[in-house]
Amino acid sequence: MTLALEDRLAVTELIALHGHLVDAGALDRLDEVFTADVVYDVSDYGQGELIGLVAVKAAALALGAGNPVAHHVTNVFVEEIGDDRVHARSKGLGVMADGACGSVTYEDTVIRVGARWRISHRRVLARKLPLNGLGQG
């Protein structure tokens, strides 16, 4: 089955909404992006897996001023992996208060919940080496 264009757009907008909500401090609206039992994997940052919306919100609050002031997402690629389930990859840029910038890759499993799409699993991969380290000895 081919994923409808409307669904691709909805998934892309869902991924973008995360940055808008977090940057605005609207953590109580994260249920518009994630399932209640989301697995948010930030192992690349030494924090392991956060399970559920409460844990995701608590981690953001604990990081406090260490959070980026801006989350920008781009290069969204959506691939259907089953009925009402897609895999989405996107690139993220985080801008810190001091102007420093970091890059990540988001790997998301997105599922249809009723009439809406929600991220049920997100893995955040830090991008630290050009070409992912290829050719660097």
N, C-alpha and C. Protein backbone atom coordinates (compact mmCIF):
# COMPACT_ATOMS: atom_id res chain seq x y z
N MET A 1 0.85 -1.19 0.00
CA MET A 1 0.00 0.00 0.00
C MET A 1 0.89 1.24 0.00
N THR A 2 0.52 2.23 -0.78
CA THR A 2 1.28 3.46 -0.88
C THR A 2 0.74 4.49 0.11
N LEU A 3 1.64 5.10 0.86
CA LEU A 3 1.26 6.12 1.82
C LEU A 3 0.75 7.35 1.07
N ALA A 4 -0.42 7.82 1.45
CA ALA A 4 -1.04 8.97 0.79
C ALA A 4 -0.21 10.24 1.04
N LEU A 5 -0.23 11.13 0.07
CA LEU A 5 0.47 12.40 0.18
C LEU A 5 0.03 13.16 1.43
N GLU A 6 -1.26 13.12 1.75
CA GLU A 6 -1.78 13.80 2.94
C GLU A 6 -1.14 13.25 4.21
N ASP A 7 -0.91 11.94 4.25
CA ASP A 7 -0.27 11.33 5.41
C ASP A 7 1.20 11.72 5.50
N ARG A 8 1.88 11.76 4.35
CA ARG A 8 3.28 12.20 4.35
C ARG A 8 3.40 13.63 4.88
N LEU A 9 2.50 14.49 4.45
CA LEU A 9 2.50 15.87 4.92
C LEU A 9 2.21 15.93 6.41
N ALA A 10 1.24 15.15 6.87
CA ALA A 10 0.89 15.15 8.29
C ALA A 10 2.07 14.69 9.15
N VAL A 11 2.80 13.67 8.70
CA VAL A 11 3.96 13.19 9.44
C VAL A 11 5.06 14.24 9.45
N THR A 12 5.30 14.88 8.32
CA THR A 12 6.32 15.93 8.24
C THR A 12 5.99 17.09 9.17
N GLU A 13 4.73 17.51 9.19
CA GLU A 13 4.32 18.60 10.08
C GLU A 13 4.39 18.18 11.54
N LEU A 14 4.10 16.93 11.83
CA LEU A 14 4.21 16.41 13.19
C LEU A 14 5.65 16.54 13.69
N ILE A 15 6.60 16.14 12.85
CA ILE A 15 8.01 16.22 13.22
C ILE A 15 8.42 17.67 13.44
N ALA A 16 7.94 18.58 12.62
CA ALA A 16 8.25 20.00 12.78
C ALA A 16 7.63 20.57 14.05
N LEU A 17 6.44 20.10 14.41
CA LEU A 17 5.74 20.62 15.58
C LEU A 17 6.54 20.43 16.86
N HIS A 18 7.29 19.34 16.94
CA HIS A 18 8.10 19.09 18.14
C HIS A 18 8.97 20.30 18.49
N GLY A 19 9.70 20.82 17.51
CA GLY A 19 10.58 21.96 17.77
C GLY A 19 9.83 23.20 18.20
N HIS A 20 8.69 23.45 17.58
CA HIS A 20 7.89 24.62 17.96
C HIS A 20 7.42 24.52 19.41
N LEU A 21 6.94 23.35 19.79
CA LEU A 21 6.42 23.18 21.15
C LEU A 21 7.53 23.27 22.19
N VAL A 22 8.64 22.58 21.95
CA VAL A 22 9.74 22.60 22.92
C VAL A 22 10.33 24.00 23.04
N ASP A 23 10.57 24.65 21.92
CA ASP A 23 11.15 26.00 21.96
C ASP A 23 10.25 26.99 22.67
N ALA A 24 8.94 26.78 22.60
CA ALA A 24 7.98 27.66 23.27
C ALA A 24 7.77 27.27 24.73
N GLY A 25 8.38 26.17 25.16
CA GLY A 25 8.18 25.70 26.53
C GLY A 25 6.81 25.09 26.73
N ALA A 26 6.15 24.70 25.66
CA ALA A 26 4.80 24.13 25.72
C ALA A 26 4.88 22.61 25.92
N LEU A 27 5.59 22.20 26.98
CA LEU A 27 5.82 20.78 27.22
C LEU A 27 4.53 20.03 27.54
N ASP A 28 3.52 20.72 28.04
CA ASP A 28 2.24 20.07 28.33
C ASP A 28 1.49 19.69 27.06
N ARG A 29 1.99 20.12 25.91
CA ARG A 29 1.35 19.78 24.62
C ARG A 29 2.11 18.69 23.87
N LEU A 30 3.10 18.08 24.50
CA LEU A 30 3.88 17.05 23.81
C LEU A 30 3.04 15.85 23.40
N ASP A 31 1.85 15.70 24.00
CA ASP A 31 0.96 14.62 23.58
C ASP A 31 0.43 14.85 22.16
N GLU A 32 0.64 16.03 21.61
CA GLU A 32 0.27 16.30 20.23
C GLU A 32 1.31 15.74 19.25
N VAL A 33 2.46 15.35 19.79
CA VAL A 33 3.56 14.84 18.97
C VAL A 33 3.84 13.36 19.25
N PHE A 34 3.82 12.99 20.53
CA PHE A 34 4.23 11.65 20.95
C PHE A 34 3.07 10.85 21.53
N THR A 35 3.20 9.52 21.46
CA THR A 35 2.26 8.65 22.17
C THR A 35 2.57 8.75 23.66
N ALA A 36 1.61 8.40 24.50
CA ALA A 36 1.79 8.48 25.95
C ALA A 36 2.95 7.60 26.42
N ASP A 37 3.19 6.49 25.72
CA ASP A 37 4.24 5.55 26.11
C ASP A 37 5.48 5.65 25.21
N VAL A 38 5.71 6.81 24.65
CA VAL A 38 6.83 7.01 23.74
C VAL A 38 8.14 6.51 24.36
N VAL A 39 8.99 5.96 23.52
CA VAL A 39 10.37 5.65 23.90
C VAL A 39 11.23 6.69 23.20
N TYR A 40 11.90 7.53 24.00
CA TYR A 40 12.71 8.64 23.49
C TYR A 40 14.15 8.31 23.83
N ASP A 41 14.89 7.84 22.84
CA ASP A 41 16.23 7.30 23.06
C ASP A 41 17.29 8.38 22.84
N VAL A 42 17.88 8.81 23.93
CA VAL A 42 18.96 9.79 23.88
C VAL A 42 20.26 9.16 24.40
N SER A 43 20.43 7.87 24.09
CA SER A 43 21.63 7.14 24.51
C SER A 43 22.90 7.79 23.98
N ASP A 44 22.84 8.38 22.79
CA ASP A 44 24.01 9.05 22.22
C ASP A 44 24.48 10.22 23.08
N TYR A 45 23.62 10.67 23.95
CA TYR A 45 23.96 11.77 24.87
C TYR A 45 24.14 11.28 26.30
N GLY A 46 24.23 9.95 26.46
CA GLY A 46 24.48 9.38 27.78
C GLY A 46 23.29 9.32 28.70
N GLN A 47 22.09 9.52 28.17
CA GLN A 47 20.90 9.55 29.02
C GLN A 47 20.02 8.31 28.87
N GLY A 48 20.37 7.39 27.99
CA GLY A 48 19.57 6.17 27.81
C GLY A 48 18.23 6.45 27.17
N GLU A 49 17.26 5.60 27.50
CA GLU A 49 15.91 5.73 26.96
C GLU A 49 14.99 6.36 27.99
N LEU A 50 14.25 7.36 27.55
CA LEU A 50 13.21 7.97 28.37
C LEU A 50 11.91 7.29 27.95
N ILE A 51 11.15 6.79 28.92
CA ILE A 51 9.93 6.06 28.61
C ILE A 51 8.73 6.88 29.07
N GLY A 52 7.89 7.28 28.14
CA GLY A 52 6.67 8.01 28.45
C GLY A 52 6.83 9.52 28.44
N LEU A 53 5.70 10.18 28.24
CA LEU A 53 5.68 11.65 28.17
C LEU A 53 6.17 12.31 29.44
N VAL A 54 5.83 11.74 30.60
CA VAL A 54 6.26 12.33 31.87
C VAL A 54 7.78 12.36 31.95
N ALA A 55 8.43 11.28 31.53
CA ALA A 55 9.89 11.22 31.57
C ALA A 55 10.52 12.19 30.58
N VAL A 56 9.93 12.34 29.40
CA VAL A 56 10.45 13.27 28.39
C VAL A 56 10.37 14.70 28.92
N LYS A 57 9.23 15.05 29.48
CA LYS A 57 9.05 16.40 30.03
C LYS A 57 10.01 16.64 31.19
N ALA A 58 10.15 15.66 32.09
CA ALA A 58 11.04 15.80 33.25
C ALA A 58 12.49 16.00 32.80
N ALA A 59 12.91 15.28 31.77
CA ALA A 59 14.28 15.42 31.28
C ALA A 59 14.51 16.82 30.70
N ALA A 60 13.54 17.33 29.97
CA ALA A 60 13.67 18.69 29.41
C ALA A 60 13.77 19.72 30.53
N LEU A 61 12.94 19.57 31.55
CA LEU A 61 12.97 20.51 32.68
C LEU A 61 14.27 20.39 33.45
N ALA A 62 14.78 19.17 33.62
CA ALA A 62 16.04 18.97 34.35
C ALA A 62 17.21 19.60 33.60
N LEU A 63 17.17 19.56 32.28
CA LEU A 63 18.24 20.16 31.48
C LEU A 63 18.19 21.69 31.56
N GLY A 64 17.01 22.23 31.78
CA GLY A 64 16.84 23.66 32.00
C GLY A 64 17.51 24.52 30.95
N ALA A 65 18.41 25.42 31.40
CA ALA A 65 19.09 26.35 30.51
C ALA A 65 20.05 25.65 29.55
N GLY A 66 20.29 24.36 29.76
CA GLY A 66 21.14 23.60 28.85
C GLY A 66 20.44 23.17 27.58
N ASN A 67 19.12 23.42 27.52
CA ASN A 67 18.36 23.10 26.31
C ASN A 67 18.71 24.07 25.19
N PRO A 68 18.62 23.63 23.94
CA PRO A 68 18.75 24.58 22.83
C PRO A 68 17.64 25.63 22.90
N VAL A 69 17.94 26.82 22.42
CA VAL A 69 16.90 27.85 22.33
C VAL A 69 16.08 27.67 21.05
N ALA A 70 16.63 26.90 20.10
CA ALA A 70 15.92 26.67 18.84
C ALA A 70 16.22 25.27 18.32
N HIS A 71 15.16 24.57 17.96
CA HIS A 71 15.25 23.27 17.30
C HIS A 71 14.75 23.47 15.86
N HIS A 72 15.60 23.17 14.89
CA HIS A 72 15.21 23.28 13.49
C HIS A 72 15.31 21.89 12.87
N VAL A 73 14.31 21.50 12.11
CA VAL A 73 14.30 20.18 11.49
C VAL A 73 14.21 20.33 9.98
N THR A 74 14.92 19.45 9.28
CA THR A 74 14.96 19.50 7.83
C THR A 74 15.21 18.10 7.27
N ASN A 75 15.21 17.98 5.96
CA ASN A 75 15.54 16.73 5.27
C ASN A 75 14.70 15.56 5.78
N VAL A 76 13.40 15.75 5.87
CA VAL A 76 12.51 14.70 6.36
C VAL A 76 12.28 13.67 5.25
N PHE A 77 12.49 12.41 5.60
CA PHE A 77 12.27 11.30 4.68
C PHE A 77 11.31 10.32 5.35
N VAL A 78 10.18 10.06 4.71
CA VAL A 78 9.13 9.21 5.29
C VAL A 78 9.02 7.93 4.46
N GLU A 79 9.03 6.80 5.15
CA GLU A 79 8.98 5.50 4.49
C GLU A 79 7.94 4.62 5.20
N GLU A 80 6.97 4.15 4.45
CA GLU A 80 5.94 3.29 5.03
C GLU A 80 6.55 1.93 5.38
N ILE A 81 6.26 1.44 6.60
CA ILE A 81 6.78 0.14 7.01
C ILE A 81 5.67 -0.83 7.39
N GLY A 82 4.43 -0.39 7.31
CA GLY A 82 3.29 -1.25 7.62
C GLY A 82 2.02 -0.43 7.64
N ASP A 83 0.90 -1.11 7.83
CA ASP A 83 -0.36 -0.38 7.94
C ASP A 83 -0.29 0.58 9.12
N ASP A 84 -0.55 1.84 8.86
CA ASP A 84 -0.61 2.87 9.90
C ASP A 84 0.70 2.99 10.68
N ARG A 85 1.82 2.73 10.01
CA ARG A 85 3.14 2.81 10.66
C ARG A 85 4.16 3.26 9.62
N VAL A 86 4.95 4.28 9.97
CA VAL A 86 6.01 4.74 9.08
C VAL A 86 7.30 4.92 9.86
N HIS A 87 8.39 4.90 9.11
CA HIS A 87 9.70 5.25 9.66
C HIS A 87 10.05 6.60 9.03
N ALA A 88 10.42 7.55 9.87
CA ALA A 88 10.80 8.87 9.38
C ALA A 88 12.20 9.20 9.87
N ARG A 89 13.02 9.68 8.96
CA ARG A 89 14.35 10.17 9.31
C ARG A 89 14.39 11.65 8.98
N SER A 90 15.01 12.42 9.86
CA SER A 90 15.14 13.85 9.62
C SER A 90 16.43 14.34 10.25
N LYS A 91 16.86 15.49 9.81
CA LYS A 91 18.05 16.13 10.36
C LYS A 91 17.60 17.27 11.25
N GLY A 92 18.28 17.42 12.37
CA GLY A 92 17.94 18.49 13.28
C GLY A 92 19.14 19.36 13.58
N LEU A 93 18.90 20.64 13.73
CA LEU A 93 19.91 21.60 14.17
C LEU A 93 19.44 22.20 15.47
N GLY A 94 20.30 22.17 16.46
CA GLY A 94 19.99 22.80 17.74
C GLY A 94 20.89 24.00 17.94
N VAL A 95 20.28 25.15 18.19
CA VAL A 95 21.04 26.37 18.42
C VAL A 95 20.97 26.68 19.91
N MET A 96 22.14 26.83 20.51
CA MET A 96 22.23 27.08 21.95
C MET A 96 22.19 28.58 22.23
N ALA A 97 21.98 28.94 23.47
CA ALA A 97 21.88 30.34 23.87
C ALA A 97 23.15 31.12 23.53
N ASP A 98 24.31 30.45 23.56
CA ASP A 98 25.57 31.15 23.25
C ASP A 98 25.89 31.16 21.76
N GLY A 99 24.97 30.64 20.94
CA GLY A 99 25.16 30.63 19.50
C GLY A 99 25.77 29.35 18.96
N ALA A 100 26.27 28.49 19.84
CA ALA A 100 26.81 27.20 19.38
C ALA A 100 25.69 26.41 18.72
N CYS A 101 26.07 25.57 17.78
CA CYS A 101 25.08 24.80 17.02
C CYS A 101 25.51 23.35 16.97
N GLY A 102 24.55 22.45 17.06
CA GLY A 102 24.81 21.03 16.95
C GLY A 102 23.86 20.40 15.96
N SER A 103 24.26 19.24 15.45
CA SER A 103 23.46 18.54 14.46
C SER A 103 23.11 17.15 14.96
N VAL A 104 21.89 16.73 14.68
CA VAL A 104 21.43 15.39 15.04
C VAL A 104 20.69 14.77 13.86
N THR A 105 20.54 13.47 13.94
CA THR A 105 19.61 12.76 13.07
C THR A 105 18.53 12.19 13.96
N TYR A 106 17.27 12.44 13.61
CA TYR A 106 16.14 11.84 14.31
C TYR A 106 15.71 10.61 13.52
N GLU A 107 15.56 9.49 14.19
CA GLU A 107 14.99 8.29 13.60
C GLU A 107 13.71 8.00 14.36
N ASP A 108 12.59 8.17 13.69
CA ASP A 108 11.28 8.07 14.34
C ASP A 108 10.45 6.91 13.79
N THR A 109 9.75 6.24 14.68
CA THR A 109 8.65 5.36 14.30
C THR A 109 7.39 6.15 14.59
N VAL A 110 6.57 6.32 13.58
CA VAL A 110 5.36 7.13 13.69
C VAL A 110 4.17 6.21 13.39
N ILE A 111 3.18 6.25 14.28
CA ILE A 111 2.01 5.39 14.11
C ILE A 111 0.74 6.24 14.06
N ARG A 112 -0.26 5.67 13.39
CA ARG A 112 -1.55 6.35 13.35
C ARG A 112 -2.31 5.98 14.62
N VAL A 113 -2.77 7.01 15.32
CA VAL A 113 -3.58 6.83 16.53
C VAL A 113 -4.91 7.50 16.23
N GLY A 114 -5.92 6.69 15.96
CA GLY A 114 -7.20 7.25 15.52
C GLY A 114 -7.00 7.92 14.18
N ALA A 115 -7.35 9.19 14.10
CA ALA A 115 -7.21 9.93 12.84
C ALA A 115 -5.89 10.70 12.77
N ARG A 116 -5.04 10.59 13.78
CA ARG A 116 -3.82 11.40 13.85
C ARG A 116 -2.57 10.52 13.88
N TRP A 117 -1.45 11.13 13.57
CA TRP A 117 -0.16 10.47 13.64
C TRP A 117 0.56 10.90 14.91
N ARG A 118 1.30 9.97 15.53
CA ARG A 118 2.09 10.27 16.72
C ARG A 118 3.40 9.49 16.65
N ILE A 119 4.46 10.08 17.21
CA ILE A 119 5.75 9.40 17.29
C ILE A 119 5.71 8.46 18.49
N SER A 120 5.96 7.16 18.24
CA SER A 120 5.97 6.18 19.33
C SER A 120 7.39 5.84 19.77
N HIS A 121 8.36 6.09 18.90
CA HIS A 121 9.76 5.84 19.24
C HIS A 121 10.62 6.86 18.50
N ARG A 122 11.51 7.51 19.24
CA ARG A 122 12.44 8.46 18.63
C ARG A 122 13.84 8.14 19.13
N ARG A 123 14.76 8.02 18.19
CA ARG A 123 16.17 7.87 18.54
C ARG A 123 16.89 9.11 18.03
N VAL A 124 17.63 9.76 18.92
CA VAL A 124 18.35 10.99 18.59
C VAL A 124 19.84 10.63 18.48
N LEU A 125 20.38 10.79 17.29
CA LEU A 125 21.78 10.45 17.04
C LEU A 125 22.59 11.72 16.84
N ALA A 126 23.60 11.90 17.67
CA ALA A 126 24.48 13.07 17.55
C ALA A 126 25.33 12.94 16.29
N ARG A 127 25.42 14.00 15.54
CA ARG A 127 26.27 14.03 14.35
C ARG A 127 27.52 14.81 14.72
N LYS A 128 28.64 14.11 14.86
CA LYS A 128 29.86 14.76 15.34
C LYS A 128 31.02 14.69 14.36
N LEU A 129 30.96 13.74 13.41
CA LEU A 129 32.07 13.56 12.48
C LEU A 129 31.59 13.69 11.04
N PRO A 130 32.34 14.41 10.20
CA PRO A 130 31.99 14.45 8.78
C PRO A 130 31.96 13.04 8.20
N LEU A 131 31.04 12.78 7.30
CA LEU A 131 30.89 11.49 6.64
C LEU A 131 30.70 10.36 7.65
N ASN A 132 30.23 10.70 8.85
CA ASN A 132 30.02 9.72 9.92
C ASN A 132 31.32 8.97 10.25
N GLY A 133 32.46 9.67 10.07
CA GLY A 133 33.76 9.11 10.40
C GLY A 133 34.46 8.40 9.25
N LEU A 134 33.80 8.24 8.12
CA LEU A 134 34.37 7.53 6.97
C LEU A 134 35.63 8.25 6.48
N GLY A 135 36.71 7.50 6.30
CA GLY A 135 37.95 8.06 5.76
C GLY A 135 38.75 8.87 6.75
N GLN A 136 38.47 8.72 8.02
CA GLN A 136 39.19 9.52 9.02
C GLN A 136 40.12 8.66 9.87
N GLY A 137 40.55 7.54 9.31
CA GLY A 137 41.55 6.68 9.94
C GLY A 137 41.02 5.89 11.02
